[in-house]
PDB file of all heavy atoms in Angstrom:
ATOM      1  N   LEU A   1    -164.113 246.673  48.882  1.00  0.00           N
ATOM      2  CA  LEU A   1    -165.538 247.144  48.915  1.00  0.00           C
ATOM      3  C   LEU A   1    -166.089 247.426  47.519  1.00  0.00           C
ATOM      4  O   LEU A   1    -167.233 247.112  47.295  1.00  0.00           O
ATOM      5  CB  LEU A   1    -165.635 248.392  49.794  1.00  0.00           C
ATOM      6  CG  LEU A   1    -165.406 248.190  51.309  1.00  0.00           C
ATOM      7  CD1 LEU A   1    -165.451 249.520  52.005  1.00  0.00           C
ATOM      8  CD2 LEU A   1    -166.497 247.208  51.850  1.00  0.00           C
ATOM      9  N   PRO A   2    -165.322 248.020  46.557  1.00  0.00           N
ATOM     10  CA  PRO A   2    -165.937 248.282  45.263  1.00  0.00           C
ATOM     11  C   PRO A   2    -166.329 247.018  44.480  1.00  0.00           C
ATOM     12  O   PRO A   2    -167.124 247.148  43.546  1.00  0.00           O
ATOM     13  CB  PRO A   2    -164.832 248.993  44.513  1.00  0.00           C
ATOM     14  CG  PRO A   2    -163.943 249.566  45.550  1.00  0.00           C
ATOM     15  CD  PRO A   2    -163.977 248.564  46.668  1.00  0.00           C
ATOM     16  N   PHE A   3    -165.834 245.822  44.898  1.00  0.00           N
ATOM     17  CA  PHE A   3    -166.125 244.612  44.168  1.00  0.00           C
ATOM     18  C   PHE A   3    -167.360 243.900  44.710  1.00  0.00           C
ATOM     19  O   PHE A   3    -167.812 242.870  44.195  1.00  0.00           O
ATOM     20  CB  PHE A   3    -164.918 243.648  44.237  1.00  0.00           C
ATOM     21  CG  PHE A   3    -163.663 244.200  43.630  1.00  0.00           C
ATOM     22  CD1 PHE A   3    -162.671 244.740  44.397  1.00  0.00           C
ATOM     23  CD2 PHE A   3    -163.524 244.293  42.220  1.00  0.00           C
ATOM     24  CE1 PHE A   3    -161.527 245.245  43.894  1.00  0.00           C
ATOM     25  CE2 PHE A   3    -162.415 244.827  41.681  1.00  0.00           C
ATOM     26  CZ  PHE A   3    -161.369 245.344  42.461  1.00  0.00           C
ATOM     27  N   LEU A   4    -167.976 244.481  45.769  1.00  0.00           N
ATOM     28  CA  LEU A   4    -169.179 243.845  46.383  1.00  0.00           C
ATOM     29  C   LEU A   4    -170.378 244.406  45.697  1.00  0.00           C
ATOM     30  O   LEU A   4    -170.497 245.571  45.390  1.00  0.00           O
ATOM     31  CB  LEU A   4    -169.201 244.113  47.907  1.00  0.00           C
ATOM     32  CG  LEU A   4    -168.048 243.569  48.715  1.00  0.00           C
ATOM     33  CD1 LEU A   4    -168.208 243.956  50.191  1.00  0.00           C
ATOM     34  CD2 LEU A   4    -168.008 242.060  48.559  1.00  0.00           C
ATOM     35  N   SER A   5    -171.366 243.507  45.485  1.00  0.00           N
ATOM     36  CA  SER A   5    -172.586 243.899  44.828  1.00  0.00           C
ATOM     37  C   SER A   5    -173.609 244.448  45.855  1.00  0.00           C
ATOM     38  O   SER A   5    -173.284 244.606  47.060  1.00  0.00           O
ATOM     39  CB  SER A   5    -173.202 242.691  44.099  1.00  0.00           C
ATOM     40  OG  SER A   5    -173.682 241.743  45.047  1.00  0.00           O
ATOM     41  N   LYS A   6    -174.846 244.628  45.448  1.00  0.00           N
ATOM     42  CA  LYS A   6    -175.864 245.075  46.359  1.00  0.00           C
ATOM     43  C   LYS A   6    -176.374 243.973  47.258  1.00  0.00           C
ATOM     44  O   LYS A   6    -177.208 244.149  48.108  1.00  0.00           O
ATOM     45  CB  LYS A   6    -177.048 245.654  45.543  1.00  0.00           C
ATOM     46  CG  LYS A   6    -176.737 246.984  44.819  1.00  0.00           C
ATOM     47  CD  LYS A   6    -177.956 247.482  44.074  1.00  0.00           C
ATOM     48  CE  LYS A   6    -177.575 248.814  43.409  1.00  0.00           C
ATOM     49  NZ  LYS A   6    -178.796 249.371  42.651  1.00  0.00           N
ATOM     50  N   LYS A   7    -175.852 242.770  47.021  1.00  0.00           N
ATOM     51  CA  LYS A   7    -176.183 241.605  47.852  1.00  0.00           C
ATOM     52  C   LYS A   7    -174.877 240.970  48.358  1.00  0.00           C
ATOM     53  O   LYS A   7    -174.467 239.914  47.928  1.00  0.00           O
ATOM     54  CB  LYS A   7    -177.004 240.591  47.110  1.00  0.00           C
ATOM     55  CG  LYS A   7    -178.306 241.139  46.597  1.00  0.00           C
ATOM     56  CD  LYS A   7    -178.996 240.148  45.633  1.00  0.00           C
ATOM     57  CE  LYS A   7    -180.216 240.788  44.994  1.00  0.00           C
ATOM     58  NZ  LYS A   7    -180.842 239.928  43.966  1.00  0.00           N
ATOM     59  N   PRO A   8    -174.212 241.664  49.277  1.00  0.00           N
ATOM     60  CA  PRO A   8    -172.899 241.213  49.688  1.00  0.00           C
ATOM     61  C   PRO A   8    -172.892 239.880  50.351  1.00  0.00           C
ATOM     62  O   PRO A   8    -171.926 239.129  50.339  1.00  0.00           O
ATOM     63  CB  PRO A   8    -172.393 242.306  50.657  1.00  0.00           C
ATOM     64  CG  PRO A   8    -173.648 243.002  51.155  1.00  0.00           C
ATOM     65  CD  PRO A   8    -174.604 242.906  49.944  1.00  0.00           C
ATOM     66  N   PHE A   9    -174.005 239.463  51.017  1.00  0.00           N
ATOM     67  CA  PHE A   9    -174.070 238.153  51.643  1.00  0.00           C
ATOM     68  C   PHE A   9    -173.937 237.039  50.623  1.00  0.00           C
ATOM     69  O   PHE A   9    -173.429 235.964  50.945  1.00  0.00           O
ATOM     70  CB  PHE A   9    -175.417 238.012  52.448  1.00  0.00           C
ATOM     71  CG  PHE A   9    -176.657 238.427  51.732  1.00  0.00           C
ATOM     72  CD1 PHE A   9    -177.357 237.499  51.008  1.00  0.00           C
ATOM     73  CD2 PHE A   9    -177.014 239.732  51.704  1.00  0.00           C
ATOM     74  CE1 PHE A   9    -178.522 237.867  50.352  1.00  0.00           C
ATOM     75  CE2 PHE A   9    -178.209 240.127  51.059  1.00  0.00           C
ATOM     76  CZ  PHE A   9    -178.946 239.198  50.362  1.00  0.00           C
ATOM     77  N   LEU A  10    -174.390 237.278  49.395  1.00  0.00           N
ATOM     78  CA  LEU A  10    -174.216 236.275  48.305  1.00  0.00           C
ATOM     79  C   LEU A  10    -172.804 236.268  47.820  1.00  0.00           C
ATOM     80  O   LEU A  10    -172.195 235.240  47.524  1.00  0.00           O
ATOM     81  CB  LEU A  10    -175.227 236.498  47.207  1.00  0.00           C
ATOM     82  CG  LEU A  10    -176.659 236.406  47.552  1.00  0.00           C
ATOM     83  CD1 LEU A  10    -177.511 236.627  46.298  1.00  0.00           C
ATOM     84  CD2 LEU A  10    -176.995 235.028  48.136  1.00  0.00           C
ATOM     85  N   ASP A  11    -172.230 237.481  47.720  1.00  0.00           N
ATOM     86  CA  ASP A  11    -170.794 237.612  47.288  1.00  0.00           C
ATOM     87  C   ASP A  11    -169.921 236.883  48.307  1.00  0.00           C
ATOM     88  O   ASP A  11    -168.946 236.157  47.902  1.00  0.00           O
ATOM     89  CB  ASP A  11    -170.389 239.090  47.275  1.00  0.00           C
ATOM     90  CG  ASP A  11    -171.165 239.889  46.239  1.00  0.00           C
ATOM     91  OD1 ASP A  11    -171.609 239.337  45.262  1.00  0.00           O
ATOM     92  OD2 ASP A  11    -171.312 241.172  46.494  1.00  0.00           O
ATOM     93  N   PHE A  12    -170.197 236.976  49.595  1.00  0.00           N
ATOM     94  CA  PHE A  12    -169.403 236.341  50.589  1.00  0.00           C
ATOM     95  C   PHE A  12    -169.484 234.825  50.495  1.00  0.00           C
ATOM     96  O   PHE A  12    -168.507 234.091  50.803  1.00  0.00           O
ATOM     97  CB  PHE A  12    -169.843 236.787  51.996  1.00  0.00           C
ATOM     98  CG  PHE A  12    -169.574 238.239  52.297  1.00  0.00           C
ATOM     99  CD1 PHE A  12    -170.289 238.957  53.240  1.00  0.00           C
ATOM    100  CD2 PHE A  12    -168.548 238.904  51.606  1.00  0.00           C
ATOM    101  CE1 PHE A  12    -170.061 240.248  53.517  1.00  0.00           C
ATOM    102  CE2 PHE A  12    -168.279 240.242  51.874  1.00  0.00           C
ATOM    103  CZ  PHE A  12    -169.003 240.954  52.845  1.00  0.00           C
ATOM    104  N   ILE A  13    -170.638 234.284  50.120  1.00  0.00           N
ATOM    105  CA  ILE A  13    -170.779 232.799  49.937  1.00  0.00           C
ATOM    106  C   ILE A  13    -169.841 232.385  48.819  1.00  0.00           C
ATOM    107  O   ILE A  13    -169.193 231.355  48.896  1.00  0.00           O
ATOM    108  CB  ILE A  13    -172.236 232.428  49.704  1.00  0.00           C
ATOM    109  CG1 ILE A  13    -173.092 232.637  50.967  1.00  0.00           C
ATOM    110  CG2 ILE A  13    -172.345 230.988  49.259  1.00  0.00           C
ATOM    111  CD1 ILE A  13    -174.541 232.366  50.771  1.00  0.00           C
ATOM    112  N   ASP A  14    -169.846 233.177  47.721  1.00  0.00           N
ATOM    113  CA  ASP A  14    -168.963 232.793  46.585  1.00  0.00           C
ATOM    114  C   ASP A  14    -167.504 232.868  47.015  1.00  0.00           C
ATOM    115  O   ASP A  14    -166.723 231.985  46.648  1.00  0.00           O
ATOM    116  CB  ASP A  14    -169.228 233.764  45.462  1.00  0.00           C
ATOM    117  CG  ASP A  14    -170.564 233.574  44.780  1.00  0.00           C
ATOM    118  OD1 ASP A  14    -171.148 232.439  44.889  1.00  0.00           O
ATOM    119  OD2 ASP A  14    -171.089 234.512  44.125  1.00  0.00           O
ATOM    120  N   LEU A  15    -167.145 233.889  47.759  1.00  0.00           N
ATOM    121  CA  LEU A  15    -165.730 233.978  48.234  1.00  0.00           C
ATOM    122  C   LEU A  15    -165.381 232.845  49.177  1.00  0.00           C
ATOM    123  O   LEU A  15    -164.207 232.385  49.160  1.00  0.00           O
ATOM    124  CB  LEU A  15    -165.560 235.384  48.919  1.00  0.00           C
ATOM    125  CG  LEU A  15    -165.521 236.561  47.954  1.00  0.00           C
ATOM    126  CD1 LEU A  15    -165.539 237.856  48.798  1.00  0.00           C
ATOM    127  CD2 LEU A  15    -164.316 236.533  47.052  1.00  0.00           C
ATOM    128  N   SER A  16    -166.344 232.457  49.976  1.00  0.00           N
ATOM    129  CA  SER A  16    -166.036 231.364  50.954  1.00  0.00           C
ATOM    130  C   SER A  16    -165.717 230.034  50.239  1.00  0.00           C
ATOM    131  O   SER A  16    -165.008 229.163  50.757  1.00  0.00           O
ATOM    132  CB  SER A  16    -167.218 231.174  51.915  1.00  0.00           C
ATOM    133  OG  SER A  16    -168.364 230.574  51.268  1.00  0.00           O
ATOM    134  N   LYS A  17    -166.290 229.873  49.015  1.00  0.00           N
ATOM    135  CA  LYS A  17    -165.976 228.667  48.296  1.00  0.00           C
ATOM    136  C   LYS A  17    -164.539 228.582  47.835  1.00  0.00           C
ATOM    137  O   LYS A  17    -163.999 227.519  47.585  1.00  0.00           O
ATOM    138  CB  LYS A  17    -166.916 228.583  47.076  1.00  0.00           C
ATOM    139  CG  LYS A  17    -168.418 228.402  47.432  1.00  0.00           C
ATOM    140  CD  LYS A  17    -169.321 228.426  46.191  1.00  0.00           C
ATOM    141  CE  LYS A  17    -170.788 228.296  46.604  1.00  0.00           C
ATOM    142  NZ  LYS A  17    -171.701 228.409  45.445  1.00  0.00           N
ATOM    143  N   LYS A  18    -163.919 229.731  47.697  1.00  0.00           N
ATOM    144  CA  LYS A  18    -162.511 229.838  47.243  1.00  0.00           C
ATOM    145  C   LYS A  18    -161.562 229.899  48.444  1.00  0.00           C
ATOM    146  O   LYS A  18    -160.558 229.246  48.432  1.00  0.00           O
ATOM    147  CB  LYS A  18    -162.317 231.041  46.332  1.00  0.00           C
ATOM    148  CG  LYS A  18    -160.905 231.190  45.821  1.00  0.00           C
ATOM    149  CD  LYS A  18    -160.797 232.373  44.850  1.00  0.00           C
ATOM    150  CE  LYS A  18    -159.407 232.555  44.335  1.00  0.00           C
ATOM    151  NZ  LYS A  18    -159.286 233.711  43.426  1.00  0.00           N
ATOM    152  N   TYR A  19    -161.965 230.670  49.488  1.00  0.00           N
ATOM    153  CA  TYR A  19    -161.000 230.988  50.571  1.00  0.00           C
ATOM    154  C   TYR A  19    -161.387 230.268  51.889  1.00  0.00           C
ATOM    155  O   TYR A  19    -160.613 230.287  52.861  1.00  0.00           O
ATOM    156  CB  TYR A  19    -160.981 232.455  50.819  1.00  0.00           C
ATOM    157  CG  TYR A  19    -160.452 233.239  49.637  1.00  0.00           C
ATOM    158  CD1 TYR A  19    -161.293 233.980  48.848  1.00  0.00           C
ATOM    159  CD2 TYR A  19    -159.070 233.254  49.296  1.00  0.00           C
ATOM    160  CE1 TYR A  19    -160.819 234.729  47.753  1.00  0.00           C
ATOM    161  CE2 TYR A  19    -158.591 233.949  48.254  1.00  0.00           C
ATOM    162  CZ  TYR A  19    -159.477 234.687  47.446  1.00  0.00           C
ATOM    163  OH  TYR A  19    -159.028 235.398  46.375  1.00  0.00           O
ATOM    164  N   GLY A  20    -162.529 229.635  51.948  1.00  0.00           N
ATOM    165  CA  GLY A  20    -162.923 228.946  53.178  1.00  0.00           C
ATOM    166  C   GLY A  20    -164.021 229.730  53.892  1.00  0.00           C
ATOM    167  O   GLY A  20    -164.337 230.890  53.582  1.00  0.00           O
ATOM    168  N   ASN A  21    -164.661 229.088  54.903  1.00  0.00           N
ATOM    169  CA  ASN A  21    -165.758 229.717  55.564  1.00  0.00           C
ATOM    170  C   ASN A  21    -165.369 230.800  56.541  1.00  0.00           C
ATOM    171  O   ASN A  21    -166.211 231.470  57.094  1.00  0.00           O
ATOM    172  CB  ASN A  21    -166.536 228.592  56.316  1.00  0.00           C
ATOM    173  CG  ASN A  21    -167.391 227.752  55.381  1.00  0.00           C
ATOM    174  OD1 ASN A  21    -167.951 228.258  54.455  1.00  0.00           O
ATOM    175  ND2 ASN A  21    -167.421 226.465  55.653  1.00  0.00           N
ATOM    176  N   VAL A  22    -164.029 230.922  56.784  1.00  0.00           N
ATOM    177  CA  VAL A  22    -163.506 232.086  57.554  1.00  0.00           C
ATOM    178  C   VAL A  22    -162.530 232.771  56.649  1.00  0.00           C
ATOM    179  O   VAL A  22    -161.482 232.249  56.383  1.00  0.00           O
ATOM    180  CB  VAL A  22    -162.865 231.618  58.864  1.00  0.00           C
ATOM    181  CG1 VAL A  22    -162.304 232.868  59.609  1.00  0.00           C
ATOM    182  CG2 VAL A  22    -163.862 230.949  59.751  1.00  0.00           C
ATOM    183  N   PHE A  23    -162.840 233.946  56.107  1.00  0.00           N
ATOM    184  CA  PHE A  23    -161.952 234.617  55.242  1.00  0.00           C
ATOM    185  C   PHE A  23    -161.900 236.107  55.529  1.00  0.00           C
ATOM    186  O   PHE A  23    -162.699 236.582  56.356  1.00  0.00           O
ATOM    187  CB  PHE A  23    -162.325 234.413  53.729  1.00  0.00           C
ATOM    188  CG  PHE A  23    -163.600 235.007  53.272  1.00  0.00           C
ATOM    189  CD1 PHE A  23    -163.629 236.333  52.822  1.00  0.00           C
ATOM    190  CD2 PHE A  23    -164.792 234.278  53.325  1.00  0.00           C
ATOM    191  CE1 PHE A  23    -164.835 236.899  52.432  1.00  0.00           C
ATOM    192  CE2 PHE A  23    -165.971 234.871  52.937  1.00  0.00           C
ATOM    193  CZ  PHE A  23    -165.999 236.184  52.518  1.00  0.00           C
ATOM    194  N   SER A  24    -161.034 236.824  54.850  1.00  0.00           N
ATOM    195  CA  SER A  24    -160.864 238.251  55.191  1.00  0.00           C
ATOM    196  C   SER A  24    -160.747 239.090  53.949  1.00  0.00           C
ATOM    197  O   SER A  24    -160.559 238.580  52.849  1.00  0.00           O
ATOM    198  CB  SER A  24    -159.593 238.455  56.040  1.00  0.00           C
ATOM    199  OG  SER A  24    -158.423 238.232  55.264  1.00  0.00           O
ATOM    200  N   PHE A  25    -160.945 240.407  54.059  1.00  0.00           N
ATOM    201  CA  PHE A  25    -160.700 241.355  53.060  1.00  0.00           C
ATOM    202  C   PHE A  25    -160.461 242.678  53.706  1.00  0.00           C
ATOM    203  O   PHE A  25    -160.719 242.857  54.893  1.00  0.00           O
ATOM    204  CB  PHE A  25    -161.822 241.424  52.007  1.00  0.00           C
ATOM    205  CG  PHE A  25    -163.120 241.943  52.516  1.00  0.00           C
ATOM    206  CD1 PHE A  25    -163.381 243.285  52.482  1.00  0.00           C
ATOM    207  CD2 PHE A  25    -164.085 241.134  53.098  1.00  0.00           C
ATOM    208  CE1 PHE A  25    -164.583 243.858  52.943  1.00  0.00           C
ATOM    209  CE2 PHE A  25    -165.302 241.586  53.552  1.00  0.00           C
ATOM    210  CZ  PHE A  25    -165.533 242.985  53.504  1.00  0.00           C
ATOM    211  N   ARG A  26    -159.889 243.584  52.917  1.00  0.00           N
ATOM    212  CA  ARG A  26    -159.681 244.952  53.393  1.00  0.00           C
ATOM    213  C   ARG A  26    -160.889 245.800  53.012  1.00  0.00           C
ATOM    214  O   ARG A  26    -161.238 245.892  51.846  1.00  0.00           O
ATOM    215  CB  ARG A  26    -158.412 245.516  52.807  1.00  0.00           C
ATOM    216  CG  ARG A  26    -157.983 246.840  53.394  1.00  0.00           C
ATOM    217  CD  ARG A  26    -157.396 246.712  54.788  1.00  0.00           C
ATOM    218  NE  ARG A  26    -156.856 247.968  55.233  1.00  0.00           N
ATOM    219  CZ  ARG A  26    -156.466 248.155  56.501  1.00  0.00           C
ATOM    220  NH1 ARG A  26    -156.503 247.196  57.396  1.00  0.00           N
ATOM    221  NH2 ARG A  26    -155.943 249.338  56.849  1.00  0.00           N
ATOM    222  N   GLY A  27    -161.585 246.317  54.016  1.00  0.00           N
ATOM    223  CA  GLY A  27    -162.689 247.230  53.770  1.00  0.00           C
ATOM    224  C   GLY A  27    -162.395 248.640  54.098  1.00  0.00           C
ATOM    225  O   GLY A  27    -162.414 249.006  55.318  1.00  0.00           O
ATOM    226  N   GLY A  28    -162.012 249.421  53.198  1.00  0.00           N
ATOM    227  CA  GLY A  28    -161.564 250.801  53.446  1.00  0.00           C
ATOM    228  C   GLY A  28    -160.309 250.761  54.329  1.00  0.00           C
ATOM    229  O   GLY A  28    -159.286 250.191  53.906  1.00  0.00           O
ATOM    230  N   SER A  29    -160.339 251.356  55.514  1.00  0.00           N
ATOM    231  CA  SER A  29    -159.239 251.317  56.379  1.00  0.00           C
ATOM    232  C   SER A  29    -159.332 250.228  57.472  1.00  0.00           C
ATOM    233  O   SER A  29    -158.629 250.262  58.451  1.00  0.00           O
ATOM    234  CB  SER A  29    -159.096 252.708  57.082  1.00  0.00           C
ATOM    235  OG  SER A  29    -160.306 253.064  57.795  1.00  0.00           O
ATOM    236  N   LYS A  30    -160.264 249.295  57.268  1.00  0.00           N
ATOM    237  CA  LYS A  30    -160.473 248.255  58.269  1.00  0.00           C
ATOM    238  C   LYS A  30    -160.187 246.881  57.736  1.00  0.00           C
ATOM    239  O   LYS A  30    -160.474 246.560  56.532  1.00  0.00           O
ATOM    240  CB  LYS A  30    -161.950 248.282  58.685  1.00  0.00           C
ATOM    241  CG  LYS A  30    -162.390 249.514  59.479  1.00  0.00           C
ATOM    242  CD  LYS A  30    -161.892 249.423  60.924  1.00  0.00           C
ATOM    243  CE  LYS A  30    -162.441 250.590  61.758  1.00  0.00           C
ATOM    244  NZ  LYS A  30    -162.049 250.476  63.165  1.00  0.00           N
ATOM    245  N   ASN A  31    -159.589 246.027  58.584  1.00  0.00           N
ATOM    246  CA  ASN A  31    -159.504 244.588  58.246  1.00  0.00           C
ATOM    247  C   ASN A  31    -160.874 243.980  58.591  1.00  0.00           C
ATOM    248  O   ASN A  31    -161.403 244.170  59.714  1.00  0.00           O
ATOM    249  CB  ASN A  31    -158.421 243.929  59.071  1.00  0.00           C
ATOM    250  CG  ASN A  31    -157.063 244.195  58.490  1.00  0.00           C
ATOM    251  OD1 ASN A  31    -156.880 244.349  57.300  1.00  0.00           O
ATOM    252  ND2 ASN A  31    -156.031 244.288  59.408  1.00  0.00           N
ATOM    253  N   VAL A  32    -161.438 243.229  57.697  1.00  0.00           N
ATOM    254  CA  VAL A  32    -162.750 242.619  57.893  1.00  0.00           C
ATOM    255  C   VAL A  32    -162.638 241.102  57.789  1.00  0.00           C
ATOM    256  O   VAL A  32    -162.054 240.591  56.798  1.00  0.00           O
ATOM    257  CB  VAL A  32    -163.795 243.132  56.825  1.00  0.00           C
ATOM    258  CG1 VAL A  32    -165.161 242.534  57.095  1.00  0.00           C
ATOM    259  CG2 VAL A  32    -163.830 244.709  56.874  1.00  0.00           C
ATOM    260  N   VAL A  33    -163.187 240.383  58.739  1.00  0.00           N
ATOM    261  CA  VAL A  33    -163.198 238.956  58.692  1.00  0.00           C
ATOM    262  C   VAL A  33    -164.693 238.531  58.592  1.00  0.00           C
ATOM    263  O   VAL A  33    -165.520 238.961  59.396  1.00  0.00           O
ATOM    264  CB  VAL A  33    -162.565 238.305  59.925  1.00  0.00           C
ATOM    265  CG1 VAL A  33    -162.873 236.805  60.020  1.00  0.00           C
ATOM    266  CG2 VAL A  33    -161.071 238.527  59.906  1.00  0.00           C
ATOM    267  N   VAL A  34    -164.979 237.654  57.620  1.00  0.00           N
ATOM    268  CA  VAL A  34    -166.337 237.186  57.389  1.00  0.00           C
ATOM    269  C   VAL A  34    -166.480 235.745  57.785  1.00  0.00           C
ATOM    270  O   VAL A  34    -165.629 234.906  57.445  1.00  0.00           O
ATOM    271  CB  VAL A  34    -166.706 237.329  55.894  1.00  0.00           C
ATOM    272  CG1 VAL A  34    -168.188 236.858  55.668  1.00  0.00           C
ATOM    273  CG2 VAL A  34    -166.527 238.779  55.402  1.00  0.00           C
ATOM    274  N   LEU A  35    -167.552 235.466  58.576  1.00  0.00           N
ATOM    275  CA  LEU A  35    -167.776 234.098  59.048  1.00  0.00           C
ATOM    276  C   LEU A  35    -168.993 233.502  58.297  1.00  0.00           C
ATOM    277  O   LEU A  35    -170.119 234.038  58.449  1.00  0.00           O
ATOM    278  CB  LEU A  35    -168.041 234.088  60.559  1.00  0.00           C
ATOM    279  CG  LEU A  35    -167.066 234.864  61.441  1.00  0.00           C
ATOM    280  CD1 LEU A  35    -167.482 234.823  62.884  1.00  0.00           C
ATOM    281  CD2 LEU A  35    -165.655 234.331  61.215  1.00  0.00           C
ATOM    282  N   CYS A  36    -168.805 232.468  57.523  1.00  0.00           N
ATOM    283  CA  CYS A  36    -169.861 231.852  56.739  1.00  0.00           C
ATOM    284  C   CYS A  36    -170.232 230.505  57.209  1.00  0.00           C
ATOM    285  O   CYS A  36    -170.801 229.680  56.451  1.00  0.00           O
ATOM    286  CB  CYS A  36    -169.444 231.819  55.257  1.00  0.00           C
ATOM    287  SG  CYS A  36    -169.336 233.423  54.438  1.00  0.00           S
ATOM    288  N   ASP A  37    -169.914 230.163  58.389  1.00  0.00           N
ATOM    289  CA  ASP A  37    -170.147 228.803  58.973  1.00  0.00           C
ATOM    290  C   ASP A  37    -170.681 228.966  60.364  1.00  0.00           C
ATOM    291  O   ASP A  37    -170.332 229.797  61.159  1.00  0.00           O
ATOM    292  CB  ASP A  37    -168.827 228.027  58.986  1.00  0.00           C
ATOM    293  CG  ASP A  37    -168.932 226.685  59.674  1.00  0.00           C
ATOM    294  OD1 ASP A  37    -169.606 225.800  59.176  1.00  0.00           O
ATOM    295  OD2 ASP A  37    -168.393 226.615  60.791  1.00  0.00           O
ATOM    296  N   PHE A  38    -171.670 228.079  60.704  1.00  0.00           N
ATOM    297  CA  PHE A  38    -172.344 228.129  61.993  1.00  0.00           C
ATOM    298  C   PHE A  38    -171.311 227.944  63.170  1.00  0.00           C
ATOM    299  O   PHE A  38    -171.369 228.697  64.136  1.00  0.00           O
ATOM    300  CB  PHE A  38    -173.406 227.101  62.157  1.00  0.00           C
ATOM    301  CG  PHE A  38    -173.920 226.939  63.529  1.00  0.00           C
ATOM    302  CD1 PHE A  38    -174.653 227.979  64.145  1.00  0.00           C
ATOM    303  CD2 PHE A  38    -173.667 225.801  64.293  1.00  0.00           C
ATOM    304  CE1 PHE A  38    -175.071 227.829  65.422  1.00  0.00           C
ATOM    305  CE2 PHE A  38    -174.091 225.694  65.561  1.00  0.00           C
ATOM    306  CZ  PHE A  38    -174.805 226.728  66.168  1.00  0.00           C
ATOM    307  N   LEU A  39    -170.409 227.004  63.033  1.00  0.00           N
ATOM    308  CA  LEU A  39    -169.482 226.726  64.125  1.00  0.00           C
ATOM    309  C   LEU A  39    -168.584 227.948  64.359  1.00  0.00           C
ATOM    310  O   LEU A  39    -168.204 228.241  65.473  1.00  0.00           O
ATOM    311  CB  LEU A  39    -168.701 225.494  63.846  1.00  0.00           C
ATOM    312  CG  LEU A  39    -169.433 224.121  63.814  1.00  0.00           C
ATOM    313  CD1 LEU A  39    -168.542 222.988  63.503  1.00  0.00           C
ATOM    314  CD2 LEU A  39    -170.143 223.931  65.171  1.00  0.00           C
ATOM    315  N   ALA A  40    -168.146 228.626  63.296  1.00  0.00           N
ATOM    316  CA  ALA A  40    -167.339 229.756  63.427  1.00  0.00           C
ATOM    317  C   ALA A  40    -168.088 230.898  64.071  1.00  0.00           C
ATOM    318  O   ALA A  40    -167.571 231.634  64.911  1.00  0.00           O
ATOM    319  CB  ALA A  40    -166.813 230.198  62.033  1.00  0.00           C
ATOM    320  N   VAL A  41    -169.351 231.121  63.609  1.00  0.00           N
ATOM    321  CA  VAL A  41    -170.194 232.151  64.231  1.00  0.00           C
ATOM    322  C   VAL A  41    -170.407 231.871  65.713  1.00  0.00           C
ATOM    323  O   VAL A  41    -170.294 232.793  66.581  1.00  0.00           O
ATOM    324  CB  VAL A  41    -171.511 232.262  63.543  1.00  0.00           C
ATOM    325  CG1 VAL A  41    -172.454 233.172  64.239  1.00  0.00           C
ATOM    326  CG2 VAL A  41    -171.347 232.736  62.046  1.00  0.00           C
TER     327      VAL A  41
END
């Protein structure tokens, strides 16, 4: 969470270019999965 900017949706697009359109991170005490692709959503 501390590495996310005030525009996390743009940060997630950058991360998806490295990890894929379905990627994860640890947000506090929660596992978070981000979907950046229509078919995944």
